[in-house]
Amino acid sequence: MIRKREQVQGFSPNGKFHIEHWRDGKCINRQEFANGITDEGKKKIFGLYFFYSDVDVPNGSSEKTYIGLVNTGSTLASGDTYVTHAGWTEFTSYTVSASAKRGEWIAGAATGAGTVSITNAAPVTFDFTGSGTVDGIFVVSGTTTEIEIQSNVTAGNILWSTGDLAAPLAVVSADQLKITYTVNA
C-alpha cells in the first residue's frame, strides 16, 4: 500500500514593512507592504541552518541587522547583493538616534505556531535631515563597524531583503519615518 505524504508548508521567510510618515508631530501617511528576500539572504539562511558554513549569526556577538532606505526610482531585484545593486541607491539624508547610521533592527523572540513571526517591538525612527523621495526599504546584516554606516559597500555583508513602498514618499527635513519589520515563515 502506498501512502501519500502529508504536504508540508514550505519555508518562505517573506515579511512586511509597516511605516508611518510624521511631519510636525502628526502622522501624515501609513503604509504596509511586502518585502522580497534576496538570493543572497536565502543563501545565508541555508548556509547557517543547513550547511553550517557561517558562524556569524545576526544579533550574535559580531553581527547585527540594520534597516536602510532606498532612494527614488528604484528597481529592486532578487539578484541584488550588499555590494552590487545596480537598480537602486541608498537614501542617506537622515539620522537615527542623532547618528548618521542605519537603524538597527532589534527583533524580539520568534512567536507563533504554523506561521512563526519575528519582529521589532519598537519602531526604528528615521529623522530626515534633507528633502527627497524614499522609494523603498532594505535590511542588511554584517559586522557592526561596517554595516551600520550609510552607503558602505564592504564585501562580506548580506543584503537580506528589500521592499518597494506602495507609493513613493516625498520627505522634507524634520519629517520622521517609523519602521516596524516582521518576517514570517
N, C-alpha and C. Protein backbone atom coordinates (compact mmCIF):
# COMPACT_ATOMS: atom_id res chain seq x y z
N MET A 1 0.84 -1.16 0.00
CA MET A 1 0.00 0.00 0.00
C MET A 1 0.89 1.25 0.00
N ILE A 2 0.64 2.15 -0.90
CA ILE A 2 1.40 3.39 -0.99
C ILE A 2 0.66 4.46 -0.19
N ARG A 3 1.39 5.10 0.70
CA ARG A 3 0.80 6.17 1.49
C ARG A 3 1.26 7.50 0.94
N LYS A 4 0.35 8.41 0.87
CA LYS A 4 0.70 9.77 0.44
C LYS A 4 1.31 10.51 1.61
N ARG A 5 2.33 11.28 1.30
CA ARG A 5 2.93 12.12 2.33
C ARG A 5 2.06 13.35 2.52
N GLU A 6 1.98 13.75 3.75
CA GLU A 6 1.28 14.99 4.04
C GLU A 6 2.10 16.14 3.47
N GLN A 7 1.44 17.05 2.79
CA GLN A 7 2.16 18.19 2.23
C GLN A 7 2.58 19.11 3.36
N VAL A 8 3.85 19.45 3.38
CA VAL A 8 4.40 20.31 4.41
C VAL A 8 4.53 21.71 3.85
N GLN A 9 4.11 22.66 4.66
CA GLN A 9 4.22 24.05 4.24
C GLN A 9 5.68 24.42 4.08
N GLY A 10 6.05 25.06 2.96
CA GLY A 10 7.43 25.43 2.69
C GLY A 10 7.90 26.59 3.55
N PHE A 11 9.18 26.72 3.63
CA PHE A 11 9.81 27.80 4.36
C PHE A 11 9.93 29.00 3.44
N SER A 12 9.18 30.01 3.69
CA SER A 12 9.20 31.21 2.86
C SER A 12 9.28 32.42 3.80
N PRO A 13 10.49 32.89 4.08
CA PRO A 13 10.63 33.97 5.07
C PRO A 13 10.26 35.34 4.51
N ASN A 14 9.07 35.42 3.97
CA ASN A 14 8.58 36.70 3.49
C ASN A 14 7.98 37.45 4.65
N GLY A 15 8.03 38.74 4.57
CA GLY A 15 7.50 39.55 5.65
C GLY A 15 6.91 40.82 5.13
N LYS A 16 6.80 41.79 6.01
CA LYS A 16 6.23 43.07 5.60
C LYS A 16 6.84 44.19 6.42
N PHE A 17 6.84 45.35 5.82
CA PHE A 17 7.25 46.57 6.49
C PHE A 17 5.98 47.36 6.82
N HIS A 18 5.98 48.01 7.94
CA HIS A 18 4.92 48.94 8.31
C HIS A 18 5.62 50.26 8.58
N ILE A 19 5.23 51.31 7.86
CA ILE A 19 5.87 52.61 8.07
C ILE A 19 4.83 53.67 8.41
N GLU A 20 5.28 54.65 9.16
CA GLU A 20 4.49 55.84 9.46
C GLU A 20 5.34 57.05 9.13
N HIS A 21 4.79 57.98 8.36
CA HIS A 21 5.49 59.20 7.95
C HIS A 21 4.95 60.35 8.81
N TRP A 22 5.85 60.96 9.59
CA TRP A 22 5.44 62.00 10.54
C TRP A 22 5.99 63.37 10.11
N ARG A 23 5.14 64.40 10.26
CA ARG A 23 5.55 65.78 10.00
C ARG A 23 4.88 66.67 11.04
N ASP A 24 5.67 67.49 11.67
CA ASP A 24 5.16 68.44 12.68
C ASP A 24 4.33 67.74 13.74
N GLY A 25 4.79 66.55 14.17
CA GLY A 25 4.12 65.83 15.23
C GLY A 25 2.84 65.11 14.83
N LYS A 26 2.52 65.08 13.52
CA LYS A 26 1.31 64.41 13.05
C LYS A 26 1.66 63.33 12.04
N CYS A 27 0.99 62.20 12.14
CA CYS A 27 1.18 61.12 11.17
C CYS A 27 0.42 61.49 9.90
N ILE A 28 1.16 61.67 8.78
CA ILE A 28 0.52 62.09 7.54
C ILE A 28 0.40 60.96 6.51
N ASN A 29 1.00 59.79 6.81
CA ASN A 29 0.92 58.69 5.86
C ASN A 29 1.27 57.40 6.58
N ARG A 30 0.51 56.35 6.30
CA ARG A 30 0.82 54.99 6.79
C ARG A 30 0.81 54.06 5.60
N GLN A 31 1.78 53.14 5.57
CA GLN A 31 1.82 52.14 4.50
C GLN A 31 2.28 50.81 5.08
N GLU A 32 1.79 49.75 4.48
CA GLU A 32 2.26 48.42 4.81
C GLU A 32 2.49 47.71 3.49
N PHE A 33 3.66 47.09 3.34
CA PHE A 33 3.98 46.45 2.08
C PHE A 33 4.91 45.28 2.29
N ALA A 34 4.86 44.34 1.36
CA ALA A 34 5.64 43.11 1.46
C ALA A 34 7.09 43.35 1.07
N ASN A 35 7.95 42.50 1.62
CA ASN A 35 9.35 42.52 1.20
C ASN A 35 9.61 41.29 0.34
N GLY A 36 10.70 41.32 -0.39
CA GLY A 36 11.19 40.16 -1.10
C GLY A 36 12.51 39.77 -0.47
N ILE A 37 12.79 38.49 -0.39
CA ILE A 37 14.05 38.02 0.16
C ILE A 37 15.02 37.83 -1.00
N THR A 38 16.20 38.39 -0.89
CA THR A 38 17.20 38.27 -1.96
C THR A 38 17.80 36.87 -2.00
N ASP A 39 18.38 36.52 -3.13
CA ASP A 39 19.09 35.25 -3.24
C ASP A 39 20.20 35.18 -2.20
N GLU A 40 20.90 36.31 -1.99
CA GLU A 40 21.98 36.37 -1.02
C GLU A 40 21.45 36.06 0.39
N GLY A 41 20.27 36.60 0.72
CA GLY A 41 19.67 36.34 2.02
C GLY A 41 19.28 34.88 2.18
N LYS A 42 18.69 34.29 1.13
CA LYS A 42 18.32 32.87 1.18
C LYS A 42 19.55 31.98 1.36
N LYS A 43 20.63 32.32 0.65
CA LYS A 43 21.86 31.53 0.77
C LYS A 43 22.41 31.61 2.20
N LYS A 44 22.27 32.79 2.82
CA LYS A 44 22.73 32.95 4.20
C LYS A 44 21.94 32.00 5.12
N ILE A 45 20.62 31.96 4.94
CA ILE A 45 19.79 31.07 5.76
C ILE A 45 20.21 29.62 5.57
N PHE A 46 20.32 29.19 4.33
CA PHE A 46 20.70 27.80 4.06
C PHE A 46 22.09 27.48 4.60
N GLY A 47 23.01 28.42 4.44
CA GLY A 47 24.36 28.22 4.96
C GLY A 47 24.38 28.09 6.46
N LEU A 48 23.59 28.92 7.14
CA LEU A 48 23.56 28.89 8.61
C LEU A 48 22.88 27.66 9.17
N TYR A 49 21.74 27.33 8.61
CA TYR A 49 20.92 26.30 9.23
C TYR A 49 21.05 24.91 8.63
N PHE A 50 21.54 24.81 7.41
CA PHE A 50 21.62 23.51 6.79
C PHE A 50 23.06 23.05 6.56
N PHE A 51 23.93 23.97 6.20
CA PHE A 51 25.30 23.60 5.88
C PHE A 51 26.28 24.02 6.97
N TYR A 52 25.86 24.88 7.86
CA TYR A 52 26.69 25.41 8.94
C TYR A 52 27.99 26.01 8.41
N SER A 53 27.87 26.76 7.32
CA SER A 53 29.06 27.33 6.71
C SER A 53 29.44 28.70 7.27
N ASP A 54 28.65 29.23 8.16
CA ASP A 54 28.89 30.57 8.66
C ASP A 54 28.64 30.58 10.16
N VAL A 55 29.56 31.09 10.91
CA VAL A 55 29.39 31.11 12.36
C VAL A 55 28.89 32.46 12.87
N ASP A 56 28.84 33.47 12.02
CA ASP A 56 28.37 34.78 12.44
C ASP A 56 26.87 34.89 12.19
N VAL A 57 26.09 34.83 13.23
CA VAL A 57 24.64 34.91 13.13
C VAL A 57 24.23 36.34 13.49
N PRO A 58 23.32 36.98 12.69
CA PRO A 58 22.87 38.32 13.06
C PRO A 58 22.38 38.36 14.50
N ASN A 59 22.65 39.46 15.14
CA ASN A 59 22.32 39.72 16.54
C ASN A 59 23.13 38.85 17.49
N GLY A 60 24.16 38.21 16.98
CA GLY A 60 25.11 37.50 17.83
C GLY A 60 26.17 38.47 18.29
N SER A 61 27.31 37.97 18.66
CA SER A 61 28.33 38.84 19.21
C SER A 61 29.02 39.69 18.15
N SER A 62 29.03 39.25 16.89
CA SER A 62 29.77 40.03 15.90
C SER A 62 28.92 40.58 14.77
N GLU A 63 27.69 40.14 14.60
CA GLU A 63 26.85 40.66 13.53
C GLU A 63 25.58 41.27 14.10
N LYS A 64 25.09 42.27 13.38
CA LYS A 64 23.81 42.90 13.71
C LYS A 64 23.05 43.12 12.42
N THR A 65 21.79 43.49 12.56
CA THR A 65 20.91 43.71 11.41
C THR A 65 20.44 45.15 11.42
N TYR A 66 20.47 45.79 10.25
CA TYR A 66 20.11 47.19 10.13
C TYR A 66 19.12 47.42 9.00
N ILE A 67 18.30 48.46 9.15
CA ILE A 67 17.34 48.88 8.13
C ILE A 67 17.88 50.13 7.47
N GLY A 68 17.76 50.20 6.15
CA GLY A 68 18.15 51.38 5.39
C GLY A 68 17.03 51.77 4.44
N LEU A 69 17.18 52.93 3.83
CA LEU A 69 16.16 53.48 2.94
C LEU A 69 16.66 53.49 1.51
N VAL A 70 15.77 53.19 0.58
CA VAL A 70 16.08 53.16 -0.85
C VAL A 70 15.66 54.49 -1.45
N ASN A 71 16.53 55.05 -2.30
CA ASN A 71 16.29 56.31 -2.97
C ASN A 71 15.23 56.16 -4.06
N THR A 72 14.76 57.26 -4.56
CA THR A 72 13.73 57.29 -5.60
C THR A 72 14.16 56.58 -6.88
N GLY A 73 13.19 56.10 -7.64
CA GLY A 73 13.45 55.49 -8.94
C GLY A 73 14.10 54.12 -8.85
N SER A 74 13.76 53.36 -7.82
CA SER A 74 14.44 52.09 -7.59
C SER A 74 13.91 50.97 -8.46
N THR A 75 14.80 50.04 -8.76
CA THR A 75 14.44 48.77 -9.37
C THR A 75 15.10 47.70 -8.52
N LEU A 76 14.30 47.02 -7.72
CA LEU A 76 14.80 46.01 -6.81
C LEU A 76 14.78 44.66 -7.51
N ALA A 77 15.79 43.83 -7.25
CA ALA A 77 15.87 42.52 -7.89
C ALA A 77 16.34 41.47 -6.90
N SER A 78 15.90 40.22 -7.09
CA SER A 78 16.30 39.16 -6.16
C SER A 78 17.80 38.87 -6.25
N GLY A 79 18.44 39.24 -7.35
CA GLY A 79 19.87 39.04 -7.50
C GLY A 79 20.72 40.13 -6.89
N ASP A 80 20.10 41.17 -6.31
CA ASP A 80 20.86 42.24 -5.65
C ASP A 80 21.66 41.68 -4.49
N THR A 81 22.84 42.24 -4.28
CA THR A 81 23.67 41.89 -3.13
C THR A 81 24.02 43.17 -2.39
N TYR A 82 24.68 43.02 -1.26
CA TYR A 82 25.09 44.19 -0.49
C TYR A 82 26.03 45.09 -1.30
N VAL A 83 26.90 44.49 -2.07
CA VAL A 83 27.88 45.25 -2.85
C VAL A 83 27.33 45.68 -4.20
N THR A 84 26.52 44.83 -4.83
CA THR A 84 26.05 45.11 -6.19
C THR A 84 24.53 45.15 -6.23
N HIS A 85 24.00 46.34 -6.45
CA HIS A 85 22.55 46.54 -6.61
C HIS A 85 22.36 47.71 -7.58
N ALA A 86 22.56 47.41 -8.85
CA ALA A 86 22.61 48.43 -9.90
C ALA A 86 21.31 49.22 -10.05
N GLY A 87 20.19 48.67 -9.63
CA GLY A 87 18.90 49.32 -9.85
C GLY A 87 18.51 50.34 -8.80
N TRP A 88 19.34 50.53 -7.77
CA TRP A 88 18.96 51.48 -6.73
C TRP A 88 20.16 51.98 -5.95
N THR A 89 19.93 53.09 -5.25
CA THR A 89 20.93 53.67 -4.36
C THR A 89 20.29 53.88 -2.99
N GLU A 90 21.13 54.11 -2.02
CA GLU A 90 20.64 54.33 -0.66
C GLU A 90 20.29 55.80 -0.45
N PHE A 91 19.16 56.06 0.17
CA PHE A 91 18.77 57.40 0.60
C PHE A 91 19.48 57.65 1.92
N THR A 92 20.24 58.73 2.01
CA THR A 92 21.08 58.93 3.20
C THR A 92 20.85 60.24 3.95
N SER A 93 19.82 60.99 3.60
CA SER A 93 19.58 62.27 4.28
C SER A 93 18.74 62.06 5.54
N TYR A 94 19.29 61.31 6.49
CA TYR A 94 18.59 61.05 7.73
C TYR A 94 19.58 60.75 8.85
N THR A 95 19.06 60.76 10.06
CA THR A 95 19.80 60.26 11.22
C THR A 95 18.86 59.31 11.97
N VAL A 96 19.45 58.43 12.75
CA VAL A 96 18.71 57.56 13.66
C VAL A 96 19.35 57.76 15.02
N SER A 97 18.57 58.18 16.00
CA SER A 97 19.09 58.48 17.34
C SER A 97 20.25 59.48 17.25
N ALA A 98 20.08 60.51 16.43
CA ALA A 98 21.04 61.59 16.24
C ALA A 98 22.36 61.14 15.63
N SER A 99 22.41 59.97 15.02
CA SER A 99 23.62 59.47 14.39
C SER A 99 23.35 59.19 12.92
N ALA A 100 24.34 59.47 12.07
CA ALA A 100 24.20 59.22 10.64
C ALA A 100 24.49 57.76 10.33
N LYS A 101 23.77 56.89 10.99
CA LYS A 101 23.92 55.45 10.79
C LYS A 101 22.56 54.86 10.49
N ARG A 102 22.56 53.70 9.87
CA ARG A 102 21.31 53.00 9.61
C ARG A 102 20.65 52.63 10.94
N GLY A 103 19.36 52.35 10.88
CA GLY A 103 18.63 51.99 12.08
C GLY A 103 18.77 50.51 12.41
N GLU A 104 19.19 50.19 13.62
CA GLU A 104 19.35 48.79 14.00
C GLU A 104 17.99 48.14 14.19
N TRP A 105 17.82 46.97 13.56
CA TRP A 105 16.60 46.18 13.71
C TRP A 105 16.83 45.23 14.87
N ILE A 106 16.16 45.50 15.99
CA ILE A 106 16.31 44.68 17.18
C ILE A 106 15.05 43.85 17.33
N ALA A 107 15.15 42.60 16.91
CA ALA A 107 13.99 41.70 16.93
C ALA A 107 13.82 41.06 18.28
N GLY A 108 12.57 40.80 18.62
CA GLY A 108 12.26 40.05 19.82
C GLY A 108 12.27 38.56 19.51
N ALA A 109 11.82 37.77 20.43
CA ALA A 109 11.77 36.32 20.23
C ALA A 109 10.71 35.98 19.18
N ALA A 110 10.97 34.95 18.41
CA ALA A 110 10.00 34.48 17.43
C ALA A 110 8.79 33.92 18.15
N THR A 111 7.60 34.14 17.57
CA THR A 111 6.36 33.66 18.17
C THR A 111 5.49 33.01 17.11
N GLY A 112 4.52 32.24 17.55
CA GLY A 112 3.54 31.66 16.65
C GLY A 112 3.69 30.17 16.50
N ALA A 113 2.67 29.58 15.89
CA ALA A 113 2.65 28.15 15.57
C ALA A 113 2.02 28.02 14.19
N GLY A 114 2.61 27.21 13.35
CA GLY A 114 2.16 27.15 11.95
C GLY A 114 2.87 28.23 11.17
N THR A 115 2.48 29.46 11.42
CA THR A 115 3.22 30.60 10.90
C THR A 115 3.97 31.22 12.07
N VAL A 116 5.28 31.25 11.96
CA VAL A 116 6.11 31.82 13.01
C VAL A 116 6.56 33.20 12.55
N SER A 117 6.53 34.17 13.46
CA SER A 117 6.88 35.55 13.13
C SER A 117 7.94 36.08 14.07
N ILE A 118 8.75 36.98 13.54
CA ILE A 118 9.72 37.70 14.36
C ILE A 118 9.65 39.16 13.94
N THR A 119 9.67 40.08 14.90
CA THR A 119 9.50 41.50 14.61
C THR A 119 10.25 42.34 15.63
N ASN A 120 10.41 43.61 15.33
CA ASN A 120 10.98 44.54 16.30
C ASN A 120 9.83 45.14 17.12
N ALA A 121 9.98 45.13 18.45
CA ALA A 121 8.94 45.63 19.34
C ALA A 121 8.76 47.13 19.24
N ALA A 122 9.85 47.85 19.07
CA ALA A 122 9.79 49.30 18.95
C ALA A 122 10.18 49.70 17.52
N PRO A 123 9.43 50.61 16.90
CA PRO A 123 9.79 51.03 15.54
C PRO A 123 11.18 51.67 15.49
N VAL A 124 11.86 51.52 14.36
CA VAL A 124 13.11 52.23 14.10
C VAL A 124 12.70 53.59 13.53
N THR A 125 13.15 54.67 14.16
CA THR A 125 12.73 56.01 13.74
C THR A 125 13.85 56.71 12.98
N PHE A 126 13.54 57.09 11.74
CA PHE A 126 14.45 57.84 10.88
C PHE A 126 14.04 59.30 10.93
N ASP A 127 14.97 60.19 11.30
CA ASP A 127 14.74 61.63 11.33
C ASP A 127 15.42 62.22 10.10
N PHE A 128 14.63 62.82 9.21
CA PHE A 128 15.18 63.33 7.95
C PHE A 128 15.90 64.65 8.14
N THR A 129 17.07 64.74 7.52
CA THR A 129 17.91 65.94 7.59
C THR A 129 17.90 66.70 6.27
N GLY A 130 17.21 66.18 5.29
CA GLY A 130 17.12 66.81 3.99
C GLY A 130 15.87 66.34 3.27
N SER A 131 15.63 66.90 2.11
CA SER A 131 14.45 66.56 1.32
C SER A 131 14.80 65.53 0.25
N GLY A 132 13.80 64.82 -0.21
CA GLY A 132 13.98 63.84 -1.28
C GLY A 132 12.80 62.90 -1.33
N THR A 133 12.99 61.79 -2.02
CA THR A 133 11.93 60.79 -2.14
C THR A 133 12.46 59.44 -1.72
N VAL A 134 11.73 58.79 -0.82
CA VAL A 134 12.05 57.44 -0.38
C VAL A 134 11.16 56.49 -1.17
N ASP A 135 11.78 55.50 -1.80
CA ASP A 135 11.06 54.59 -2.67
C ASP A 135 10.96 53.17 -2.11
N GLY A 136 11.79 52.85 -1.11
CA GLY A 136 11.77 51.50 -0.58
C GLY A 136 12.60 51.37 0.69
N ILE A 137 12.65 50.13 1.17
CA ILE A 137 13.36 49.78 2.40
C ILE A 137 14.27 48.60 2.09
N PHE A 138 15.40 48.53 2.79
CA PHE A 138 16.24 47.33 2.70
C PHE A 138 16.72 46.95 4.09
N VAL A 139 17.05 45.66 4.25
CA VAL A 139 17.55 45.14 5.52
C VAL A 139 18.87 44.44 5.22
N VAL A 140 19.90 44.75 6.02
CA VAL A 140 21.23 44.19 5.83
C VAL A 140 21.75 43.63 7.15
N SER A 141 22.67 42.67 7.05
CA SER A 141 23.31 42.16 8.26
C SER A 141 24.80 42.04 8.01
N GLY A 142 25.56 42.18 9.07
CA GLY A 142 27.01 42.09 8.97
C GLY A 142 27.66 42.57 10.24
N THR A 143 28.97 42.75 10.17
CA THR A 143 29.69 43.20 11.35
C THR A 143 29.34 44.65 11.64
N THR A 144 29.17 44.98 12.89
CA THR A 144 28.66 46.28 13.30
C THR A 144 29.45 47.45 12.73
N THR A 145 30.75 47.42 12.80
CA THR A 145 31.54 48.57 12.36
C THR A 145 31.40 48.83 10.87
N GLU A 146 31.07 47.83 10.09
CA GLU A 146 30.93 48.01 8.65
C GLU A 146 29.50 48.24 8.22
N ILE A 147 28.56 47.55 8.79
CA ILE A 147 27.20 47.51 8.29
C ILE A 147 26.33 48.68 8.73
N GLU A 148 26.66 49.31 9.86
CA GLU A 148 25.81 50.37 10.37
C GLU A 148 26.00 51.69 9.61
N ILE A 149 27.08 51.83 8.86
CA ILE A 149 27.38 53.08 8.17
C ILE A 149 26.61 53.17 6.86
N GLN A 150 25.98 54.31 6.63
CA GLN A 150 25.22 54.52 5.40
C GLN A 150 26.15 54.45 4.19
N SER A 151 25.63 53.86 3.10
CA SER A 151 26.31 53.81 1.80
C SER A 151 27.64 53.07 1.81
N ASN A 152 27.89 52.23 2.79
CA ASN A 152 29.10 51.43 2.82
C ASN A 152 28.92 50.23 1.91
N VAL A 153 29.91 49.91 1.10
CA VAL A 153 29.81 48.77 0.19
C VAL A 153 30.91 47.74 0.47
N THR A 154 31.11 47.43 1.73
CA THR A 154 32.13 46.47 2.13
C THR A 154 31.65 45.06 1.85
N ALA A 155 32.46 44.29 1.16
CA ALA A 155 32.12 42.90 0.87
C ALA A 155 32.03 42.10 2.16
N GLY A 156 31.27 41.01 2.13
CA GLY A 156 31.15 40.13 3.28
C GLY A 156 29.89 40.36 4.07
N ASN A 157 29.19 41.45 3.83
CA ASN A 157 27.92 41.70 4.49
C ASN A 157 26.79 41.19 3.61
N ILE A 158 25.60 41.03 4.17
CA ILE A 158 24.49 40.40 3.49
C ILE A 158 23.32 41.36 3.33
N LEU A 159 22.82 41.48 2.11
CA LEU A 159 21.57 42.18 1.84
C LEU A 159 20.47 41.15 2.02
N TRP A 160 19.73 41.26 3.12
CA TRP A 160 18.73 40.25 3.48
C TRP A 160 17.46 40.42 2.67
N SER A 161 16.88 41.61 2.66
CA SER A 161 15.62 41.81 1.97
C SER A 161 15.48 43.24 1.49
N THR A 162 14.55 43.41 0.54
CA THR A 162 14.22 44.73 0.02
C THR A 162 12.71 44.79 -0.18
N GLY A 163 12.18 45.98 -0.22
CA GLY A 163 10.75 46.15 -0.47
C GLY A 163 10.46 47.53 -1.01
N ASP A 164 9.56 47.59 -2.00
CA ASP A 164 9.10 48.87 -2.56
C ASP A 164 7.94 49.39 -1.74
N LEU A 165 7.95 50.69 -1.42
CA LEU A 165 6.81 51.30 -0.79
C LEU A 165 5.62 51.21 -1.73
N ALA A 166 4.41 51.20 -1.19
CA ALA A 166 3.21 51.18 -2.02
C ALA A 166 3.17 52.43 -2.91
N ALA A 167 3.65 53.53 -2.38
CA ALA A 167 3.76 54.79 -3.13
C ALA A 167 4.99 55.51 -2.59
N PRO A 168 5.82 56.10 -3.47
CA PRO A 168 6.99 56.83 -3.01
C PRO A 168 6.60 57.95 -2.03
N LEU A 169 7.48 58.21 -1.06
CA LEU A 169 7.23 59.26 -0.08
C LEU A 169 8.14 60.45 -0.33
N ALA A 170 7.54 61.62 -0.52
CA ALA A 170 8.30 62.86 -0.59
C ALA A 170 8.51 63.34 0.84
N VAL A 171 9.77 63.40 1.26
CA VAL A 171 10.08 63.79 2.63
C VAL A 171 10.83 65.11 2.64
N VAL A 172 10.68 65.82 3.75
CA VAL A 172 11.40 67.08 3.95
C VAL A 172 12.13 67.00 5.29
N SER A 173 13.08 67.89 5.47
CA SER A 173 13.84 67.94 6.71
C SER A 173 12.89 68.04 7.90
N ALA A 174 13.17 67.29 8.95
CA ALA A 174 12.42 67.23 10.20
C ALA A 174 11.27 66.22 10.15
N ASP A 175 10.95 65.63 8.97
CA ASP A 175 9.99 64.53 8.93
C ASP A 175 10.58 63.33 9.63
N GLN A 176 9.72 62.41 10.01
CA GLN A 176 10.16 61.14 10.60
C GLN A 176 9.51 59.98 9.85
N LEU A 177 10.23 58.88 9.79
CA LEU A 177 9.69 57.64 9.24
C LEU A 177 9.92 56.58 10.31
N LYS A 178 8.85 55.93 10.75
CA LYS A 178 8.93 54.91 11.79
C LYS A 178 8.66 53.56 11.15
N ILE A 179 9.63 52.63 11.28
CA ILE A 179 9.55 51.36 10.57
C ILE A 179 9.52 50.19 11.54
N THR A 180 8.53 49.33 11.34
CA THR A 180 8.45 48.05 12.03
C THR A 180 8.54 46.99 10.93
N TYR A 181 9.39 45.98 11.14
CA TYR A 181 9.60 44.93 10.14
C TYR A 181 9.30 43.58 10.77
N THR A 182 8.44 42.81 10.11
CA THR A 182 8.05 41.48 10.58
C THR A 182 8.39 40.47 9.51
N VAL A 183 9.03 39.35 9.89
CA VAL A 183 9.33 38.26 8.98
C VAL A 183 8.51 37.05 9.43
N ASN A 184 7.85 36.41 8.47
CA ASN A 184 7.03 35.23 8.73
C ASN A 184 7.59 34.03 8.01
N ALA A 185 7.49 32.87 8.61
CA ALA A 185 7.89 31.64 7.94
C ALA A 185 6.95 30.52 8.36
